[in-house]
Amino acid sequence: MTVAERVVEFLKERPGEDFCDICIAKALDLAREQQAYHVTNVLGLTVEYDRVRDVCSVCGSNSRNVTRFRRSAPKLGGAER
């Protein structure tokens, strides 16, 4: 399993929880925090994930970006007809 697949699986198993890259790297026993960063930075560009400055659910830091998997993606477009 690739690092990206491991990060995605980790986040999907914990929907709505916020994780900084350091805590993701520690939880997955990655060699470097940058491995998590490269994945979460890309995930943050998708509609399924948020990447924002918020409080990490594990370490409580509020000085880092955190990534969370949304339970459901937001609906795009205008009002339904």
PDB file of N, CA and C in Angstrom:
ATOM      1  N   MET A   1       0.853  -1.175   0.000  1.00  0.00           N
ATOM      2  CA  MET A   1       0.000   0.000   0.000  1.00  0.00           C
ATOM      3  C   MET A   1       0.902   1.242   0.000  1.00  0.00           C
ATOM      4  N   THR A   2       0.586   2.209  -0.858  1.00  0.00           N
ATOM      5  CA  THR A   2       1.387   3.425  -0.940  1.00  0.00           C
ATOM      6  C   THR A   2       1.117   4.343   0.252  1.00  0.00           C
ATOM      7  N   VAL A   3       1.988   5.327   0.434  1.00  0.00           N
ATOM      8  CA  VAL A   3       1.787   6.306   1.505  1.00  0.00           C
ATOM      9  C   VAL A   3       0.462   7.030   1.293  1.00  0.00           C
ATOM     10  N   ALA A   4       0.169   7.413   0.058  1.00  0.00           N
ATOM     11  CA  ALA A   4      -1.086   8.114  -0.232  1.00  0.00           C
ATOM     12  C   ALA A   4      -2.291   7.258   0.150  1.00  0.00           C
ATOM     13  N   GLU A   5      -2.267   5.992  -0.201  1.00  0.00           N
ATOM     14  CA  GLU A   5      -3.371   5.096   0.133  1.00  0.00           C
ATOM     15  C   GLU A   5      -3.517   4.948   1.648  1.00  0.00           C
ATOM     16  N   ARG A   6      -2.411   4.882   2.342  1.00  0.00           N
ATOM     17  CA  ARG A   6      -2.450   4.748   3.796  1.00  0.00           C
ATOM     18  C   ARG A   6      -3.040   6.001   4.450  1.00  0.00           C
ATOM     19  N   VAL A   7      -2.646   7.174   3.964  1.00  0.00           N
ATOM     20  CA  VAL A   7      -3.171   8.429   4.513  1.00  0.00           C
ATOM     21  C   VAL A   7      -4.673   8.522   4.254  1.00  0.00           C
ATOM     22  N   VAL A   8      -5.096   8.218   3.045  1.00  0.00           N
ATOM     23  CA  VAL A   8      -6.523   8.263   2.700  1.00  0.00           C
ATOM     24  C   VAL A   8      -7.309   7.302   3.587  1.00  0.00           C
ATOM     25  N   GLU A   9      -6.831   6.094   3.737  1.00  0.00           N
ATOM     26  CA  GLU A   9      -7.519   5.106   4.575  1.00  0.00           C
ATOM     27  C   GLU A   9      -7.605   5.593   6.027  1.00  0.00           C
ATOM     28  N   PHE A  10      -6.501   6.129   6.539  1.00  0.00           N
ATOM     29  CA  PHE A  10      -6.463   6.640   7.914  1.00  0.00           C
ATOM     30  C   PHE A  10      -7.526   7.721   8.119  1.00  0.00           C
ATOM     31  N   LEU A  11      -7.607   8.677   7.197  1.00  0.00           N
ATOM     32  CA  LEU A  11      -8.570   9.773   7.327  1.00  0.00           C
ATOM     33  C   LEU A  11     -10.008   9.299   7.143  1.00  0.00           C
ATOM     34  N   LYS A  12     -10.238   8.399   6.194  1.00  0.00           N
ATOM     35  CA  LYS A  12     -11.600   7.904   5.958  1.00  0.00           C
ATOM     36  C   LYS A  12     -12.133   7.089   7.123  1.00  0.00           C
ATOM     37  N   GLU A  13     -11.249   6.455   7.865  1.00  0.00           N
ATOM     38  CA  GLU A  13     -11.672   5.692   9.039  1.00  0.00           C
ATOM     39  C   GLU A  13     -12.025   6.603  10.213  1.00  0.00           C
ATOM     40  N   ARG A  14     -11.725   7.908  10.078  1.00  0.00           N
ATOM     41  CA  ARG A  14     -11.957   8.880  11.149  1.00  0.00           C
ATOM     42  C   ARG A  14     -12.626  10.135  10.599  1.00  0.00           C
ATOM     43  N   PRO A  15     -13.797   9.991   9.975  1.00  0.00           N
ATOM     44  CA  PRO A  15     -14.443  11.156   9.353  1.00  0.00           C
ATOM     45  C   PRO A  15     -14.768  12.249  10.365  1.00  0.00           C
ATOM     46  N   GLY A  16     -14.527  13.494   9.956  1.00  0.00           N
ATOM     47  CA  GLY A  16     -14.848  14.634  10.798  1.00  0.00           C
ATOM     48  C   GLY A  16     -13.787  14.980  11.824  1.00  0.00           C
ATOM     49  N   GLU A  17     -12.796  14.092  12.026  1.00  0.00           N
ATOM     50  CA  GLU A  17     -11.710  14.382  12.964  1.00  0.00           C
ATOM     51  C   GLU A  17     -10.596  15.117  12.227  1.00  0.00           C
ATOM     52  N   ASP A  18      -9.905  16.002  12.941  1.00  0.00           N
ATOM     53  CA  ASP A  18      -8.849  16.830  12.359  1.00  0.00           C
ATOM     54  C   ASP A  18      -7.475  16.302  12.752  1.00  0.00           C
ATOM     55  N   PHE A  19      -6.574  16.193  11.770  1.00  0.00           N
ATOM     56  CA  PHE A  19      -5.234  15.680  12.028  1.00  0.00           C
ATOM     57  C   PHE A  19      -4.181  16.554  11.361  1.00  0.00           C
ATOM     58  N   CYS A  20      -3.166  16.936  12.145  1.00  0.00           N
ATOM     59  CA  CYS A  20      -2.036  17.651  11.554  1.00  0.00           C
ATOM     60  C   CYS A  20      -1.121  16.611  10.888  1.00  0.00           C
ATOM     61  N   ASP A  21      -0.239  17.086  10.021  1.00  0.00           N
ATOM     62  CA  ASP A  21       0.652  16.178   9.299  1.00  0.00           C
ATOM     63  C   ASP A  21       1.577  15.413  10.238  1.00  0.00           C
ATOM     64  N   ILE A  22       1.998  16.060  11.321  1.00  0.00           N
ATOM     65  CA  ILE A  22       2.893  15.393  12.271  1.00  0.00           C
ATOM     66  C   ILE A  22       2.195  14.184  12.897  1.00  0.00           C
ATOM     67  N   CYS A  23       0.944  14.367  13.314  1.00  0.00           N
ATOM     68  CA  CYS A  23       0.208  13.262  13.943  1.00  0.00           C
ATOM     69  C   CYS A  23      -0.137  12.165  12.949  1.00  0.00           C
ATOM     70  N   ILE A  24      -0.419  12.530  11.705  1.00  0.00           N
ATOM     71  CA  ILE A  24      -0.659  11.516  10.673  1.00  0.00           C
ATOM     72  C   ILE A  24       0.616  10.709  10.461  1.00  0.00           C
ATOM     73  N   ALA A  25       1.745  11.400  10.344  1.00  0.00           N
ATOM     74  CA  ALA A  25       3.025  10.718  10.125  1.00  0.00           C
ATOM     75  C   ALA A  25       3.346   9.777  11.285  1.00  0.00           C
ATOM     76  N   LYS A  26       3.100  10.221  12.519  1.00  0.00           N
ATOM     77  CA  LYS A  26       3.364   9.365  13.677  1.00  0.00           C
ATOM     78  C   LYS A  26       2.429   8.160  13.700  1.00  0.00           C
ATOM     79  N   ALA A  27       1.142   8.382  13.425  1.00  0.00           N
ATOM     80  CA  ALA A  27       0.166   7.292  13.463  1.00  0.00           C
ATOM     81  C   ALA A  27       0.468   6.225  12.416  1.00  0.00           C
ATOM     82  N   LEU A  28       0.988   6.652  11.285  1.00  0.00           N
ATOM     83  CA  LEU A  28       1.279   5.716  10.198  1.00  0.00           C
ATOM     84  C   LEU A  28       2.736   5.273  10.179  1.00  0.00           C
ATOM     85  N   ASP A  29       3.499   5.727  11.159  1.00  0.00           N
ATOM     86  CA  ASP A  29       4.911   5.382  11.275  1.00  0.00           C
ATOM     87  C   ASP A  29       5.677   5.721   9.991  1.00  0.00           C
ATOM     88  N   LEU A  30       5.434   6.932   9.482  1.00  0.00           N
ATOM     89  CA  LEU A  30       6.125   7.395   8.282  1.00  0.00           C
ATOM     90  C   LEU A  30       7.495   7.931   8.677  1.00  0.00           C
ATOM     91  N   ALA A  31       8.435   7.840   7.778  1.00  0.00           N
ATOM     92  CA  ALA A  31       9.804   8.275   8.061  1.00  0.00           C
ATOM     93  C   ALA A  31       9.887   9.789   8.257  1.00  0.00           C
ATOM     94  N   ARG A  32       9.080  10.541   7.512  1.00  0.00           N
ATOM     95  CA  ARG A  32       9.139  11.997   7.585  1.00  0.00           C
ATOM     96  C   ARG A  32       7.735  12.600   7.519  1.00  0.00           C
ATOM     97  N   GLU A  33       7.559  13.705   8.217  1.00  0.00           N
ATOM     98  CA  GLU A  33       6.298  14.452   8.194  1.00  0.00           C
ATOM     99  C   GLU A  33       5.961  14.899   6.772  1.00  0.00           C
ATOM    100  N   GLN A  34       6.978  15.190   5.972  1.00  0.00           N
ATOM    101  CA  GLN A  34       6.761  15.662   4.600  1.00  0.00           C
ATOM    102  C   GLN A  34       6.008  14.644   3.752  1.00  0.00           C
ATOM    103  N   GLN A  35       6.137  13.370   4.099  1.00  0.00           N
ATOM    104  CA  GLN A  35       5.400  12.343   3.351  1.00  0.00           C
ATOM    105  C   GLN A  35       3.896  12.549   3.538  1.00  0.00           C
ATOM    106  N   ALA A  36       3.484  12.847   4.745  1.00  0.00           N
ATOM    107  CA  ALA A  36       2.069  13.123   5.005  1.00  0.00           C
ATOM    108  C   ALA A  36       1.671  14.440   4.354  1.00  0.00           C
ATOM    109  N   TYR A  37       2.530  15.448   4.466  1.00  0.00           N
ATOM    110  CA  TYR A  37       2.242  16.772   3.906  1.00  0.00           C
ATOM    111  C   TYR A  37       1.960  16.701   2.414  1.00  0.00           C
ATOM    112  N   HIS A  38       2.766  15.989   1.678  1.00  0.00           N
ATOM    113  CA  HIS A  38       2.589  15.913   0.218  1.00  0.00           C
ATOM    114  C   HIS A  38       1.226  15.330  -0.143  1.00  0.00           C
ATOM    115  N   VAL A  39       0.764  14.375   0.627  1.00  0.00           N
ATOM    116  CA  VAL A  39      -0.540  13.761   0.366  1.00  0.00           C
ATOM    117  C   VAL A  39      -1.674  14.690   0.811  1.00  0.00           C
ATOM    118  N   THR A  40      -1.601  15.186   2.039  1.00  0.00           N
ATOM    119  CA  THR A  40      -2.700  16.007   2.568  1.00  0.00           C
ATOM    120  C   THR A  40      -2.839  17.325   1.824  1.00  0.00           C
ATOM    121  N   ASN A  41      -1.744  17.853   1.333  1.00  0.00           N
ATOM    122  CA  ASN A  41      -1.797  19.101   0.572  1.00  0.00           C
ATOM    123  C   ASN A  41      -2.622  18.918  -0.698  1.00  0.00           C
ATOM    124  N   VAL A  42      -2.469  17.785  -1.353  1.00  0.00           N
ATOM    125  CA  VAL A  42      -3.251  17.479  -2.558  1.00  0.00           C
ATOM    126  C   VAL A  42      -4.703  17.151  -2.184  1.00  0.00           C
ATOM    127  N   LEU A  43      -4.901  16.373  -1.123  1.00  0.00           N
ATOM    128  CA  LEU A  43      -6.261  16.027  -0.702  1.00  0.00           C
ATOM    129  C   LEU A  43      -7.070  17.289  -0.382  1.00  0.00           C
ATOM    130  N   GLY A  44      -6.412  18.281   0.172  1.00  0.00           N
ATOM    131  CA  GLY A  44      -7.087  19.525   0.514  1.00  0.00           C
ATOM    132  C   GLY A  44      -7.648  20.267  -0.675  1.00  0.00           C
ATOM    133  N   LEU A  45      -7.226  19.913  -1.864  1.00  0.00           N
ATOM    134  CA  LEU A  45      -7.733  20.544  -3.090  1.00  0.00           C
ATOM    135  C   LEU A  45      -8.994  19.863  -3.606  1.00  0.00           C
ATOM    136  N   THR A  46      -9.368  18.751  -3.004  1.00  0.00           N
ATOM    137  CA  THR A  46     -10.540  18.001  -3.454  1.00  0.00           C
ATOM    138  C   THR A  46     -11.764  18.366  -2.628  1.00  0.00           C
ATOM    139  N   VAL A  47     -12.945  18.009  -3.101  1.00  0.00           N
ATOM    140  CA  VAL A  47     -14.180  18.314  -2.372  1.00  0.00           C
ATOM    141  C   VAL A  47     -14.426  17.352  -1.217  1.00  0.00           C
ATOM    142  N   GLU A  48     -13.731  16.233  -1.190  1.00  0.00           N
ATOM    143  CA  GLU A  48     -13.936  15.243  -0.127  1.00  0.00           C
ATOM    144  C   GLU A  48     -13.174  15.566   1.157  1.00  0.00           C
ATOM    145  N   TYR A  49     -12.197  16.460   1.066  1.00  0.00           N
ATOM    146  CA  TYR A  49     -11.337  16.754   2.214  1.00  0.00           C
ATOM    147  C   TYR A  49     -11.264  18.251   2.464  1.00  0.00           C
ATOM    148  N   ASP A  50     -11.113  18.615   3.737  1.00  0.00           N
ATOM    149  CA  ASP A  50     -10.845  19.994   4.130  1.00  0.00           C
ATOM    150  C   ASP A  50      -9.408  20.042   4.620  1.00  0.00           C
ATOM    151  N   ARG A  51      -8.714  21.104   4.272  1.00  0.00           N
ATOM    152  CA  ARG A  51      -7.371  21.353   4.816  1.00  0.00           C
ATOM    153  C   ARG A  51      -7.366  22.799   5.269  1.00  0.00           C
ATOM    154  N   VAL A  52      -7.431  22.988   6.561  1.00  0.00           N
ATOM    155  CA  VAL A  52      -7.582  24.322   7.136  1.00  0.00           C
ATOM    156  C   VAL A  52      -6.737  24.452   8.398  1.00  0.00           C
ATOM    157  N   ARG A  53      -6.548  25.692   8.828  1.00  0.00           N
ATOM    158  CA  ARG A  53      -5.880  25.919  10.113  1.00  0.00           C
ATOM    159  C   ARG A  53      -6.923  25.731  11.204  1.00  0.00           C
ATOM    160  N   ASP A  54      -6.728  24.711  12.009  1.00  0.00           N
ATOM    161  CA  ASP A  54      -7.695  24.363  13.060  1.00  0.00           C
ATOM    162  C   ASP A  54      -6.945  23.557  14.120  1.00  0.00           C
ATOM    163  N   VAL A  55      -7.650  23.029  15.087  1.00  0.00           N
ATOM    164  CA  VAL A  55      -7.043  22.286  16.184  1.00  0.00           C
ATOM    165  C   VAL A  55      -6.953  20.803  15.830  1.00  0.00           C
ATOM    166  N   CYS A  56      -5.765  20.226  15.999  1.00  0.00           N
ATOM    167  CA  CYS A  56      -5.563  18.800  15.747  1.00  0.00           C
ATOM    168  C   CYS A  56      -6.269  17.991  16.826  1.00  0.00           C
ATOM    169  N   SER A  57      -6.985  16.958  16.416  1.00  0.00           N
ATOM    170  CA  SER A  57      -7.720  16.097  17.351  1.00  0.00           C
ATOM    171  C   SER A  57      -6.804  15.286  18.257  1.00  0.00           C
ATOM    172  N   VAL A  58      -5.545  15.116  17.866  1.00  0.00           N
ATOM    173  CA  VAL A  58      -4.626  14.282  18.638  1.00  0.00           C
ATOM    174  C   VAL A  58      -3.758  15.121  19.572  1.00  0.00           C
ATOM    175  N   CYS A  59      -2.990  16.049  19.004  1.00  0.00           N
ATOM    176  CA  CYS A  59      -2.014  16.791  19.817  1.00  0.00           C
ATOM    177  C   CYS A  59      -2.553  18.114  20.355  1.00  0.00           C
ATOM    178  N   GLY A  60      -3.682  18.571  19.819  1.00  0.00           N
ATOM    179  CA  GLY A  60      -4.285  19.812  20.297  1.00  0.00           C
ATOM    180  C   GLY A  60      -3.647  21.073  19.758  1.00  0.00           C
ATOM    181  N   SER A  61      -2.678  20.932  18.866  1.00  0.00           N
ATOM    182  CA  SER A  61      -2.032  22.108  18.298  1.00  0.00           C
ATOM    183  C   SER A  61      -3.018  22.873  17.432  1.00  0.00           C
ATOM    184  N   ASN A  62      -2.979  24.198  17.550  1.00  0.00           N
ATOM    185  CA  ASN A  62      -3.824  25.026  16.688  1.00  0.00           C
ATOM    186  C   ASN A  62      -2.975  25.926  15.813  1.00  0.00           C
ATOM    187  N   SER A  63      -1.702  25.607  15.689  1.00  0.00           N
ATOM    188  CA  SER A  63      -0.804  26.431  14.888  1.00  0.00           C
ATOM    189  C   SER A  63      -0.428  25.756  13.571  1.00  0.00           C
ATOM    190  N   ARG A  64      -1.145  24.692  13.221  1.00  0.00           N
ATOM    191  CA  ARG A  64      -0.834  23.957  11.992  1.00  0.00           C
ATOM    192  C   ARG A  64      -2.099  23.752  11.168  1.00  0.00           C
ATOM    193  N   ASN A  65      -1.883  23.461   9.894  1.00  0.00           N
ATOM    194  CA  ASN A  65      -3.003  23.048   9.064  1.00  0.00           C
ATOM    195  C   ASN A  65      -3.391  21.635   9.439  1.00  0.00           C
ATOM    196  N   VAL A  66      -4.685  21.365   9.434  1.00  0.00           N
ATOM    197  CA  VAL A  66      -5.182  20.021   9.687  1.00  0.00           C
ATOM    198  C   VAL A  66      -6.000  19.563   8.489  1.00  0.00           C
ATOM    199  N   THR A  67      -6.110  18.258   8.337  1.00  0.00           N
ATOM    200  CA  THR A  67      -6.875  17.678   7.238  1.00  0.00           C
ATOM    201  C   THR A  67      -7.962  16.814   7.828  1.00  0.00           C
ATOM    202  N   ARG A  68      -9.148  16.889   7.235  1.00  0.00           N
ATOM    203  CA  ARG A  68     -10.259  16.042   7.682  1.00  0.00           C
ATOM    204  C   ARG A  68     -11.000  15.524   6.455  1.00  0.00           C
ATOM    205  N   PHE A  69     -11.488  14.293   6.590  1.00  0.00           N
ATOM    206  CA  PHE A  69     -12.339  13.694   5.565  1.00  0.00           C
ATOM    207  C   PHE A  69     -13.772  14.085   5.889  1.00  0.00           C
ATOM    208  N   ARG A  70     -14.483  14.579   4.898  1.00  0.00           N
ATOM    209  CA  ARG A  70     -15.890  14.933   5.103  1.00  0.00           C
ATOM    210  C   ARG A  70     -16.733  13.685   5.014  1.00  0.00           C
ATOM    211  N   ARG A  71     -17.752  13.611   5.831  1.00  0.00           N
ATOM    212  CA  ARG A  71     -18.652  12.449   5.774  1.00  0.00           C
ATOM    213  C   ARG A  71     -19.327  12.361   4.413  1.00  0.00           C
ATOM    214  N   SER A  72     -19.652  13.487   3.844  1.00  0.00           N
ATOM    215  CA  SER A  72     -20.201  13.513   2.490  1.00  0.00           C
ATOM    216  C   SER A  72     -19.735  14.790   1.823  1.00  0.00           C
ATOM    217  N   ALA A  73     -19.497  14.699   0.535  1.00  0.00           N
ATOM    218  CA  ALA A  73     -19.026  15.855  -0.210  1.00  0.00           C
ATOM    219  C   ALA A  73     -20.142  16.872  -0.351  1.00  0.00           C
ATOM    220  N   PRO A  74     -19.810  18.157  -0.342  1.00  0.00           N
ATOM    221  CA  PRO A  74     -20.848  19.175  -0.506  1.00  0.00           C
ATOM    222  C   PRO A  74     -21.459  19.103  -1.899  1.00  0.00           C
ATOM    223  N   LYS A  75     -22.712  19.477  -2.005  1.00  0.00           N
ATOM    224  CA  LYS A  75     -23.363  19.487  -3.306  1.00  0.00           C
ATOM    225  C   LYS A  75     -22.924  20.718  -4.076  1.00  0.00           C
ATOM    226  N   LEU A  76     -22.608  20.505  -5.310  1.00  0.00           N
ATOM    227  CA  LEU A  76     -22.167  21.618  -6.166  1.00  0.00           C
ATOM    228  C   LEU A  76     -23.342  22.133  -6.963  1.00  0.00           C
ATOM    229  N   GLY A  77     -23.276  23.395  -7.339  1.00  0.00           N
ATOM    230  CA  GLY A  77     -24.323  23.968  -8.162  1.00  0.00           C
ATOM    231  C   GLY A  77     -25.350  24.721  -7.353  1.00  0.00           C
ATOM    232  N   GLY A  78     -26.398  25.139  -8.040  1.00  0.00           N
ATOM    233  CA  GLY A  78     -27.450  25.933  -7.413  1.00  0.00           C
ATOM    234  C   GLY A  78     -28.521  25.089  -6.766  1.00  0.00           C
ATOM    235  N   ALA A  79     -29.668  25.707  -6.600  1.00  0.00           N
ATOM    236  CA  ALA A  79     -30.800  25.039  -5.957  1.00  0.00           C
ATOM    237  C   ALA A  79     -31.299  23.893  -6.826  1.00  0.00           C
ATOM    238  N   GLU A  80     -31.802  22.871  -6.154  1.00  0.00           N
ATOM    239  CA  GLU A  80     -32.338  21.718  -6.888  1.00  0.00           C
ATOM    240  C   GLU A  80     -33.697  22.069  -7.459  1.00  0.00           C
ATOM    241  N   ARG A  81     -34.018  21.435  -8.550  1.00  0.00           N
ATOM    242  CA  ARG A  81     -35.309  21.692  -9.200  1.00  0.00           C
ATOM    243  C   ARG A  81     -36.198  20.512  -9.090  1.00  0.00           C
TER     244      ARG A  81
END
